[in-house]
Protein backbone atom coordinates (compact mmCIF):
# COMPACT_ATOMS: atom_id res chain seq x y z
CA MET A 1 25.07 -114.43 -106.80
CA ARG A 2 22.25 -114.45 -109.34
CA GLN A 3 21.52 -118.35 -108.33
CA ALA A 4 21.61 -117.84 -104.82
CA THR A 5 19.23 -114.76 -105.15
CA GLY A 6 17.01 -116.81 -107.56
CA LEU A 7 16.94 -119.45 -104.96
CA LEU A 8 16.06 -117.25 -102.17
CA LEU A 9 13.34 -115.60 -104.29
CA THR A 10 11.81 -119.14 -104.93
CA LEU A 11 12.01 -120.30 -101.23
CA THR A 12 10.30 -117.09 -100.19
CA LEU A 13 7.44 -117.57 -102.77
CA LEU A 14 7.02 -121.14 -102.09
CA HIS A 15 6.64 -120.21 -98.32
CA ALA A 16 4.17 -117.59 -99.04
CA LEU A 17 2.28 -120.02 -101.23
CA ARG A 18 2.29 -122.55 -98.28
CA ALA A 19 1.00 -119.96 -95.83
CA GLU A 20 -1.64 -118.80 -98.01
CA ALA A 21 -2.67 -122.34 -98.60
CA GLN A 22 -2.97 -122.86 -94.64
CA VAL A 23 -5.29 -119.73 -94.18
CA GLN A 24 -8.61 -121.37 -94.36
CA ARG A 25 -12.13 -119.79 -93.49
CA LEU A 26 -13.84 -121.57 -91.00
CA SER A 27 -17.37 -121.69 -89.51
CA LEU A 28 -17.60 -122.38 -86.00
CA PRO A 29 -18.95 -126.14 -86.41
CA ARG A 30 -15.69 -126.70 -88.91
CA ALA A 31 -13.35 -125.15 -86.19
CA VAL A 32 -14.79 -127.52 -83.51
CA GLU A 33 -14.73 -130.57 -85.80
CA ARG A 34 -10.95 -129.80 -86.78
CA SER A 35 -10.06 -129.10 -82.98
CA LEU A 36 -11.33 -132.71 -82.09
CA GLY A 37 -9.48 -134.45 -84.84
CA GLY A 38 -5.92 -135.29 -85.32
CA PRO A 39 -3.52 -137.12 -82.69
CA GLY A 40 -5.97 -136.56 -79.64
CA ARG A 41 -8.56 -138.55 -81.51
CA GLU A 42 -6.35 -141.31 -82.65
CA ALA A 43 -4.94 -141.64 -78.97
CA GLY A 44 -8.55 -141.82 -77.77
CA GLU A 45 -9.48 -144.67 -80.17
CA ALA A 46 -6.22 -146.50 -79.40
CA ASP A 47 -7.49 -146.21 -75.64
CA ALA A 48 -10.79 -147.42 -76.16
CA GLU A 49 -9.81 -150.21 -78.40
CA ALA A 50 -7.41 -151.44 -75.60
CA LEU A 51 -10.51 -151.38 -73.27
CA ARG A 52 -12.82 -153.12 -75.49
CA ALA A 53 -10.09 -155.88 -75.78
CA GLY A 54 -9.86 -156.21 -71.99
CA THR A 55 -13.66 -156.63 -71.95
CA ASP A 56 -13.27 -159.51 -74.38
CA ALA A 57 -10.67 -161.14 -72.10
CA ALA A 58 -13.18 -160.98 -69.42
CA ARG A 59 -15.94 -162.72 -71.41
CA TRP A 60 -13.50 -165.60 -72.41
CA ALA A 61 -12.74 -165.82 -68.72
CA LEU A 62 -16.17 -167.27 -68.42
CA ALA A 63 -15.52 -170.41 -70.82
CA PRO A 64 -14.35 -173.45 -69.27
CA SER A 65 -10.63 -174.36 -69.16
CA LEU A 66 -9.70 -176.79 -72.09
CA SER A 67 -6.13 -177.99 -72.60
CA VAL A 68 -4.64 -180.15 -75.22
CA SER A 69 -1.17 -181.86 -74.50
CA GLY A 70 1.44 -184.54 -75.85
CA GLN A 71 4.72 -185.30 -75.09
CA LEU A 72 7.43 -187.84 -75.92
CA VAL A 73 9.94 -189.05 -73.43
CA ARG A 74 12.78 -191.35 -73.48
CA GLU A 75 13.71 -192.68 -70.09
CA ALA A 76 14.90 -195.69 -67.69
CA ALA A 77 12.64 -198.70 -67.65
CA ASN A 78 12.38 -199.11 -64.03
CA VAL A 79 9.08 -197.69 -63.14
CA ALA A 80 5.49 -199.23 -64.18
CA PRO A 81 4.10 -197.93 -66.29
CA GLY A 82 6.58 -195.31 -66.94
CA ALA A 83 7.14 -191.92 -65.64
CA SER A 84 6.15 -188.65 -67.46
CA TRP A 85 6.20 -184.91 -66.83
CA GLY A 86 2.82 -183.47 -65.68
CA ASN A 87 0.46 -182.33 -68.54
CA GLU A 88 -2.04 -179.72 -67.43
CA GLY A 89 -5.64 -181.22 -67.16
CA ILE A 90 -4.48 -184.73 -67.35
CA PRO A 91 -4.61 -186.56 -64.03
CA ALA A 92 -0.84 -187.98 -62.88
CA ILE A 93 -0.35 -191.85 -63.66
CA SER A 94 2.00 -193.63 -61.47
CA GLY A 95 2.80 -197.04 -60.44
CA PRO A 96 5.15 -199.76 -58.38
CA PRO A 97 8.88 -199.54 -59.35
CA PHE A 98 10.35 -202.65 -61.24
CA GLU A 99 13.67 -204.12 -60.27
CA TYR A 100 16.78 -201.88 -60.55
CA ARG A 101 17.45 -201.05 -64.05
CA PHE A 102 19.61 -198.28 -65.34
CA ASP A 103 19.70 -199.20 -69.11
CA GLY A 104 19.34 -197.41 -72.38
CA GLY A 105 15.81 -196.37 -71.55
CA ILE A 106 12.45 -196.74 -73.33
CA TRP A 107 10.07 -194.37 -75.10
CA ILE A 108 7.18 -193.14 -73.40
CA THR A 109 4.31 -191.06 -75.28
CA GLN A 110 1.26 -189.48 -73.99
CA VAL A 111 -1.58 -187.15 -75.56
CA GLY A 112 -4.81 -186.00 -74.13
CA ALA A 113 -7.08 -183.45 -73.37
CA GLY A 114 -8.33 -182.25 -70.10
CA LEU A 115 -11.41 -180.01 -69.07
CA SER A 116 -12.06 -178.04 -66.06
CA TYR A 117 -14.64 -175.59 -64.95
CA ASP A 118 -14.64 -173.61 -61.50
CA VAL A 119 -18.50 -173.51 -61.16
CA LEU A 120 -18.36 -171.07 -58.05
CA GLY A 121 -15.68 -168.87 -59.65
CA LEU A 122 -18.30 -168.41 -62.56
CA ILE A 123 -20.11 -166.17 -60.32
CA ARG A 124 -16.94 -164.30 -59.48
CA ARG A 125 -15.90 -163.98 -63.31
CA VAL A 126 -19.18 -162.57 -64.21
CA ARG A 127 -18.76 -159.76 -61.49
CA LEU A 128 -15.46 -158.87 -62.99
CA LEU A 129 -16.89 -158.87 -66.45
CA ASP A 130 -19.34 -156.37 -65.11
CA ALA A 131 -16.44 -154.11 -63.80
CA SER A 132 -14.91 -154.45 -67.13
CA LEU A 133 -18.16 -153.22 -68.83
CA ALA A 134 -18.35 -150.54 -66.43
CA ASP A 135 -14.54 -149.42 -66.95
CA GLU A 136 -15.37 -149.04 -70.68
CA ALA A 137 -18.10 -147.01 -69.99
CA HIS A 138 -16.30 -144.96 -67.51
CA ALA A 139 -13.29 -144.42 -70.04
CA ARG A 140 -15.97 -143.61 -73.05
CA GLU A 141 -17.55 -140.92 -71.00
CA ALA A 142 -14.43 -139.47 -69.94
CA ARG A 143 -13.61 -139.11 -73.70
CA ARG A 144 -16.71 -137.25 -74.20
CA LEU A 145 -15.82 -134.91 -71.45
CA GLY A 146 -12.47 -134.34 -72.95
CA GLN A 147 -14.27 -133.72 -76.15
CA LEU A 148 -16.92 -131.34 -74.72
CA ASP A 149 -14.02 -129.28 -73.16
CA ARG A 150 -12.01 -129.10 -76.21
CA ALA A 151 -14.97 -128.20 -78.32
CA ALA A 152 -16.38 -125.80 -75.95
CA ASP A 153 -12.63 -124.23 -75.67
CA THR A 154 -12.45 -123.96 -79.61
CA ALA A 155 -15.85 -122.45 -79.73
CA ALA A 156 -14.88 -119.85 -76.97
CA ALA A 157 -11.68 -119.10 -79.27
CA PHE A 158 -13.82 -118.83 -82.21
CA LEU A 159 -16.16 -116.25 -80.43
CA GLY A 160 -13.59 -114.34 -78.79
CA LEU A 161 -11.65 -113.80 -82.40
CA ARG A 162 -14.94 -112.63 -83.71
CA GLY A 163 -15.76 -110.28 -80.96
CA ALA A 164 -12.08 -108.72 -81.64
CA GLU A 165 -12.84 -108.45 -84.97
CA ARG A 166 -16.16 -106.54 -84.31
CA ALA A 167 -14.62 -104.19 -81.87
CA ARG A 168 -11.71 -103.46 -84.19
CA ALA A 169 -14.21 -102.43 -86.81
CA ALA A 170 -16.36 -100.42 -84.67
CA LEU A 171 -13.28 -98.26 -83.50
CA ALA A 172 -12.06 -98.11 -87.34
CA ASP A 173 -15.58 -96.58 -88.09
CA ALA A 174 -15.15 -94.19 -85.16
CA ILE A 175 -11.98 -92.92 -86.73
CA ALA A 176 -13.88 -92.37 -90.05
CA ARG A 177 -16.52 -90.38 -88.24
CA SER A 178 -13.90 -88.27 -86.29
CA ASN A 179 -12.08 -87.53 -89.89
CA GLU A 180 -15.55 -86.48 -91.23
CA ILE A 181 -16.00 -83.95 -88.26
CA GLU A 182 -12.39 -82.68 -88.63
CA ARG A 183 -13.14 -81.83 -92.58
CA THR A 184 -16.12 -79.70 -91.47
CA LEU A 185 -13.99 -77.27 -89.29
CA ALA A 186 -13.44 -74.02 -90.46
CA GLU A 187 -9.83 -73.23 -92.25
CA GLY A 188 -8.95 -71.06 -89.14
CA ASP A 189 -10.06 -73.29 -86.53
CA GLU A 190 -6.91 -74.51 -85.28
CA ARG A 191 -8.16 -75.10 -81.52
CA GLY A 192 -10.83 -77.67 -83.10
CA ARG A 193 -8.31 -79.22 -85.35
CA LEU A 194 -5.84 -79.78 -82.66
CA VAL A 195 -8.75 -81.46 -80.57
CA MET A 196 -9.81 -83.57 -83.39
CA ALA A 197 -6.24 -84.60 -84.07
CA ALA A 198 -5.74 -85.64 -80.51
CA GLU A 199 -9.15 -87.61 -80.81
CA ARG A 200 -7.85 -89.43 -83.77
CA ARG A 201 -4.39 -90.39 -82.46
CA ALA A 202 -6.18 -91.92 -79.32
CA LEU A 203 -8.50 -93.80 -81.37
CA GLU A 204 -5.58 -95.17 -83.80
CA ALA A 205 -3.96 -96.31 -80.63
CA ARG A 206 -6.94 -98.12 -79.38
CA VAL A 207 -7.38 -99.68 -82.93
CA ARG A 208 -3.86 -100.73 -82.94
CA ALA A 209 -4.55 -102.39 -79.41
CA ALA A 210 -7.65 -103.84 -80.64
CA ALA A 211 -5.51 -105.29 -83.64
CA GLN A 212 -3.41 -106.96 -81.28
CA VAL A 213 -5.98 -108.62 -79.28
CA GLU A 214 -7.43 -109.80 -82.61
CA ARG A 215 -4.03 -111.15 -83.62
CA ALA A 216 -3.73 -112.86 -80.54
CA ALA A 217 -6.96 -114.62 -80.72
CA ARG A 218 -6.58 -115.77 -84.14
CA ALA A 219 -3.01 -117.37 -83.14
CA ARG A 220 -5.16 -119.25 -80.33
CA LEU A 221 -7.71 -120.49 -82.70
CA SER A 222 -5.39 -121.33 -85.50
CA SER A 223 -3.38 -123.51 -82.95
CA MET A 224 -6.44 -125.16 -81.80
CA VAL A 225 -7.43 -126.39 -85.14
CA ARG A 226 -3.97 -127.13 -86.38
CA LEU A 227 -3.36 -124.46 -89.24
CA GLU A 228 -1.24 -121.55 -89.93
CA SER A 229 -3.67 -118.96 -89.85
CA VAL A 230 -7.43 -118.89 -89.94
CA THR A 231 -10.44 -116.72 -90.89
CA VAL A 232 -13.84 -116.95 -89.52
CA ASP A 233 -17.28 -116.59 -90.96
CA PRO A 234 -18.50 -113.42 -89.84
CA TRP A 235 -22.07 -114.85 -88.99
CA LEU A 236 -23.28 -115.61 -85.61
CA ALA A 237 -26.16 -117.85 -85.08
CA THR A 238 -29.09 -115.71 -84.25
CA GLU A 239 -30.08 -113.69 -81.09
CA ARG A 240 -31.65 -116.46 -79.02
CA GLY A 241 -35.15 -115.78 -77.37
CA GLY A 242 -36.69 -117.51 -74.39
CA ASP A 243 -34.74 -119.44 -71.54
CA VAL A 244 -32.82 -122.30 -71.34
CA GLU A 245 -33.53 -125.12 -68.96
CA PRO A 246 -30.83 -127.90 -69.40
CA SER A 247 -30.31 -130.78 -66.80
CA ALA A 248 -26.99 -132.07 -65.16
CA SER A 249 -28.19 -135.67 -64.95
CA GLN A 250 -26.81 -136.35 -68.78
CA HIS A 251 -23.52 -134.71 -68.21
CA PRO A 252 -20.62 -136.77 -69.43
CA ALA A 253 -18.93 -136.17 -65.92
CA VAL A 254 -22.15 -137.62 -64.24
CA ARG A 255 -22.32 -140.54 -66.35
CA ALA A 256 -18.52 -141.20 -65.90
CA ALA A 257 -19.02 -140.97 -62.25
CA ASP A 258 -21.98 -143.47 -62.61
CA ALA A 259 -19.78 -145.90 -64.51
CA GLY A 260 -17.18 -145.52 -61.99
CA VAL A 261 -19.56 -146.27 -59.19
CA ARG A 262 -20.84 -149.62 -61.03
CA ALA A 263 -17.18 -150.75 -61.84
CA SER A 264 -16.22 -150.38 -58.05
CA SER A 265 -19.30 -152.04 -56.72
CA ALA A 266 -18.79 -154.95 -59.41
CA ARG A 267 -15.23 -155.40 -58.00
CA ALA A 268 -16.44 -155.30 -54.35
CA ALA A 269 -18.88 -158.03 -55.14
CA ALA A 270 -16.22 -159.88 -56.82
CA SER A 271 -13.88 -159.50 -54.09
CA ARG A 272 -16.48 -161.05 -51.58
CA LEU A 273 -16.88 -163.97 -53.65
CA GLU A 274 -13.28 -164.84 -52.85
CA LEU A 275 -14.42 -166.35 -49.82
CA LEU A 276 -16.32 -169.18 -51.61
CA PRO A 277 -14.31 -172.57 -52.03
CA ARG A 278 -13.10 -173.63 -55.44
CA VAL A 279 -15.06 -176.17 -56.83
CA GLU A 280 -13.94 -177.77 -60.07
CA LEU A 281 -15.47 -180.14 -62.31
CA LEU A 282 -12.93 -182.04 -64.02
CA GLY A 283 -12.81 -184.42 -66.88
CA ALA A 284 -9.64 -185.90 -69.11
CA LEU A 285 -9.36 -188.27 -72.05
CA TRP A 286 -5.91 -189.40 -72.84
CA ALA A 287 -3.75 -192.21 -74.51
CA ARG A 288 -0.43 -193.48 -73.71
CA GLY A 289 2.35 -195.60 -75.38
CA SER A 290 5.19 -197.49 -73.41
CA GLY A 291 8.27 -199.36 -74.42
CA LEU A 292 7.74 -201.32 -70.99
CA GLN A 293 6.40 -204.92 -71.10
CA TYR A 294 2.78 -205.23 -70.60
CA PRO A 295 0.11 -207.40 -72.34
CA GLY A 296 -1.18 -206.61 -75.62
CA ARG A 297 1.50 -204.24 -76.10
CA THR A 298 2.18 -203.26 -79.72
CA ASP A 299 5.97 -204.41 -80.67
CA LEU A 300 7.63 -201.87 -82.84
CA GLY A 301 11.16 -203.05 -81.94
CA ASP A 302 13.25 -199.98 -80.97
CA ALA A 303 10.53 -198.00 -81.70
CA THR A 304 7.94 -199.33 -79.26
CA GLY A 305 6.30 -196.89 -77.19
CA LEU A 306 6.19 -194.46 -79.83
CA ALA A 307 2.46 -195.17 -80.75
CA PRO A 308 0.09 -194.25 -78.07
CA ASP A 309 -2.39 -197.34 -78.13
CA ARG A 310 -3.60 -197.49 -74.65
CA PRO A 311 -6.46 -195.09 -74.18
CA GLY A 312 -7.87 -193.85 -70.77
CA TRP A 313 -10.49 -191.24 -69.02
CA ALA A 314 -11.10 -189.74 -65.96
CA LEU A 315 -13.98 -187.61 -64.20
CA GLY A 316 -13.86 -186.02 -60.98
CA LEU A 317 -14.80 -183.09 -58.59
CA LEU A 318 -12.40 -181.08 -56.92
CA VAL A 319 -13.14 -178.81 -54.02
CA THR A 320 -10.41 -176.76 -52.51
CA TRP A 321 -10.93 -174.08 -49.68
CA ARG A 322 -7.89 -172.02 -48.38
CA LEU A 323 -9.21 -171.15 -44.77
CA LEU A 324 -5.96 -169.24 -43.99
CA ASP A 325 -6.98 -166.79 -46.79
CA VAL A 326 -10.06 -165.81 -45.40
CA PRO A 327 -8.65 -162.83 -43.47
CA ALA A 328 -6.60 -161.57 -46.42
CA VAL A 329 -9.80 -161.99 -48.41
CA GLU A 330 -11.93 -159.85 -46.00
CA ALA A 331 -9.42 -157.06 -45.93
CA ARG A 332 -9.27 -156.67 -49.76
CA ALA A 333 -12.92 -156.68 -49.38
CA ARG A 334 -13.07 -153.85 -46.94
CA VAL A 335 -10.86 -151.93 -49.36
CA ALA A 336 -13.24 -152.21 -52.14
CA ASP A 337 -16.26 -151.35 -50.34
CA ALA A 338 -14.55 -148.35 -49.11
CA ARG A 339 -13.72 -147.55 -53.06
CA VAL A 340 -17.46 -147.78 -53.52
CA ARG A 341 -18.47 -145.45 -50.72
CA GLY A 342 -15.55 -142.93 -52.36
CA ASP A 343 -16.90 -143.49 -55.57
CA ARG A 344 -20.32 -142.51 -54.82
CA ALA A 345 -19.43 -139.51 -52.68
CA ARG A 346 -17.51 -138.20 -55.73
CA ARG A 347 -20.40 -138.60 -57.88
CA GLU A 348 -22.68 -136.90 -55.61
CA ALA A 349 -20.03 -133.92 -55.17
CA ALA A 350 -19.73 -133.84 -59.10
CA LEU A 351 -23.47 -133.60 -59.37
CA TRP A 352 -23.96 -130.82 -57.01
CA GLN A 353 -21.11 -128.80 -58.66
CA LEU A 354 -22.85 -129.38 -62.04
CA ARG A 355 -25.85 -128.19 -60.81
CA GLY A 356 -24.24 -125.05 -59.24
CA GLN A 357 -22.51 -124.43 -62.67
CA LEU A 358 -25.94 -124.81 -64.48
CA ARG A 359 -27.54 -122.04 -62.17
CA GLU A 360 -24.65 -119.77 -62.58
CA ALA A 361 -24.71 -120.38 -66.55
CA ARG A 362 -28.48 -119.59 -66.61
CA LEU A 363 -28.07 -116.31 -64.56
CA TYR A 364 -25.09 -115.28 -66.89
CA TYR A 365 -27.36 -116.18 -69.99
CA ARG A 366 -30.12 -113.95 -68.59
CA ALA A 367 -27.79 -111.24 -67.65
CA ALA A 368 -26.51 -111.30 -71.26
CA ARG A 369 -29.83 -110.75 -73.12
CA GLU A 370 -30.54 -108.10 -70.85
CA ASN A 371 -27.23 -106.73 -71.53
CA ALA A 372 -27.80 -106.98 -75.11
CA ALA A 373 -31.08 -105.12 -75.11
CA ALA A 374 -29.81 -102.49 -72.91
CA ARG A 375 -26.83 -101.89 -75.40
CA ALA A 376 -29.24 -101.65 -78.13
CA GLU A 377 -31.31 -99.08 -76.42
CA ALA A 378 -28.01 -97.28 -75.36
CA LEU A 379 -26.74 -97.17 -79.00
CA GLU A 380 -30.12 -95.82 -80.23
CA ALA A 381 -29.93 -92.97 -77.57
CA ALA A 382 -26.45 -92.04 -78.61
CA VAL A 383 -27.01 -92.11 -82.29
CA GLY A 384 -29.74 -89.54 -81.47
CA ALA A 385 -27.70 -87.45 -79.16
CA TYR A 386 -24.93 -87.29 -81.71
CA GLU A 387 -27.25 -86.31 -84.50
CA ARG A 388 -28.96 -83.78 -82.44
CA MET A 389 -25.41 -82.14 -81.44
CA VAL A 390 -24.28 -82.10 -85.07
CA ALA A 391 -27.29 -80.49 -85.86
CA LEU A 392 -26.71 -77.86 -83.39
CA ARG A 393 -23.12 -77.47 -84.57
CA GLN A 394 -24.47 -76.76 -87.96
CA GLU A 395 -26.62 -74.05 -86.36
CA GLY A 396 -23.58 -72.90 -84.47
CA THR A 397 -24.87 -73.26 -80.81
CA ALA A 398 -22.67 -76.08 -80.18
CA SER A 399 -18.74 -76.21 -79.97
CA VAL A 400 -16.41 -78.82 -81.45
CA SER A 401 -15.96 -80.10 -78.04
CA ASP A 402 -19.53 -80.74 -77.55
CA VAL A 403 -19.64 -82.64 -80.66
CA LEU A 404 -16.49 -84.76 -79.82
CA ALA A 405 -18.08 -85.58 -76.41
CA MET A 406 -21.09 -86.96 -78.17
CA HIS A 407 -18.68 -88.84 -80.53
CA ARG A 408 -16.95 -90.48 -77.91
CA ALA A 409 -20.40 -91.59 -76.17
CA PHE A 410 -21.34 -92.90 -79.75
CA THR A 411 -18.09 -94.72 -79.96
CA GLU A 412 -18.21 -96.33 -76.76
CA ALA A 413 -22.07 -97.42 -77.33
CA ALA A 414 -20.93 -98.78 -80.81
CA VAL A 415 -18.46 -100.92 -79.59
CA ASP A 416 -20.61 -102.12 -76.73
CA HIS A 417 -23.35 -102.95 -79.30
CA ALA A 418 -20.82 -104.84 -81.54
CA LEU A 419 -19.99 -107.18 -78.49
CA ALA A 420 -23.44 -107.45 -77.31
CA PRO A 421 -24.21 -110.51 -79.86
CA VAL A 422 -20.95 -112.23 -79.30
CA ALA A 423 -21.42 -112.08 -75.48
CA LEU A 424 -24.74 -113.51 -75.80
CA GLU A 425 -23.44 -116.09 -77.88
CA GLN A 426 -20.93 -116.85 -75.24
CA ALA A 427 -23.34 -117.03 -72.70
CA VAL A 428 -25.35 -119.65 -74.67
CA LEU A 429 -22.02 -121.58 -74.99
CA VAL A 430 -21.63 -121.59 -71.34
CA VAL A 431 -25.14 -123.03 -70.85
CA ALA A 432 -24.42 -125.57 -73.46
CA ARG A 433 -20.99 -126.84 -71.83
CA ALA A 434 -22.58 -126.98 -68.23
CA SER A 435 -25.37 -129.04 -69.64
CA GLY A 436 -22.67 -131.29 -71.35
CA ASP A 437 -24.03 -131.26 -74.70
CA LEU A 438 -22.70 -128.75 -77.24
CA GLU A 439 -24.76 -130.42 -80.21
CA PRO A 440 -27.93 -127.87 -80.19
CA PHE A 441 -25.70 -125.01 -80.04
CA LEU A 442 -23.63 -126.21 -83.00
CA GLU A 443 -26.67 -127.04 -84.82
CA ALA A 444 -28.10 -123.57 -84.73
CA TYR A 445 -24.78 -122.47 -86.59
CA ARG A 446 -25.48 -124.98 -88.97
CA ARG A 447 -28.66 -124.30 -90.03
CA ARG A 448 -28.39 -120.51 -89.50
CA GLY A 449 -24.94 -119.76 -90.46
CA ALA A 450 -25.70 -117.45 -93.21
CA GLN A 451 -28.06 -115.45 -91.20
CA ARG A 452 -26.20 -112.54 -89.55
CA VAL A 453 -27.21 -110.91 -86.38
CA SER A 454 -28.88 -107.44 -86.59
CA ALA A 455 -26.05 -105.11 -87.27
CA PRO A 456 -25.80 -101.76 -85.68
CA PRO A 457 -27.95 -98.82 -87.35
CA PRO A 458 -26.15 -97.12 -90.15
CA LEU A 459 -23.82 -94.42 -88.57
CA PRO A 460 -24.74 -91.14 -89.38
CA SER A 461 -22.18 -88.78 -91.16
CA ALA A 462 -20.91 -85.33 -90.24
CA PRO A 463 -22.05 -82.39 -92.36
């Protein structure tokens, strides 16, 4: 029993240590970096390598066809100068038959090399290489678009967690203020104590709800960065001034659409080039050996024919035009042209959609800036009103209910003001995402990560 208890305690301690080791404090750029790593990055790199290999194959298709072959045959000696199987790139060799003979056979050997080059096909293969390069660019931009979405989602989760923490902290400060007010009440003021107790319970319920939201936001961010739990830096970059005017032309979605148009256009051009005849330049060099009787034969007894001692060569031009393939080629060309038109239309649709998103993001950013300024003014006014009401309470001209009403207004203004910097950063993130480049947004955190946004004014204590 003692051993089992000790083992259980050990396992519990190890689990606690492991969980503590998994809790890491992250800055926003570090959280984004972690979210982009892992299996997703490995899968993207593997896909990119596959596309690069396909492009290399398309480049090698531009080279001539060079084949080297050889064969060793034992056959009946009834055909001059002997039969052999076809060797790629080497012309067939035939001759008149000899007298009827079905004997033990002779040796036939043949070695050689053949070279062929499809001259007009080179143009088509160049277009296919262009299509392969465009496919690689399309995949690269699509991968960047996926990374952009992943990074933006992680940054949004980071800011969501930070906002939940700030909201909970503002509500906790409100509870502290309500306790201060309750302590100032007279001993016999039961009505005031009941009112403040109800207010405290309401605030505690809001704090519990805010804590639930915070835990959910923390769990979401933890799963995105592949950790058991995280804590985040309390700093935001800075409050931003001025306006932002990003452009949609460099968005990864637009660049991916451009690459898709280039790929489909290159394939359409390659399809139309199939109408051209096949024009091949051919060359071959070979040597043969035969066990048949011929002048100057090297006599090796039973091994005669094993040595290829008769060289030969050939040059030629081969033109092939499959006329009945023309209708099918034209049909494939129409398919390719339709795909080009579709890709161009999708590119224009994506561009218009991104422009609309940018306009909406800029409006959202301007509204967030104005809202942040308005919330700061509202908090300042709420603080002044609360302090004035506390002073009137000290003078005996205000009731607890009056102070409580001002306290509630103060609490709402404090929560709104605590969330305003987060909302402004979220607006900047929306603009950066719509423009397709988060680097300026992340760089602001790298440069100014230790510079905290102006905190709300110090909360006045009740007398």
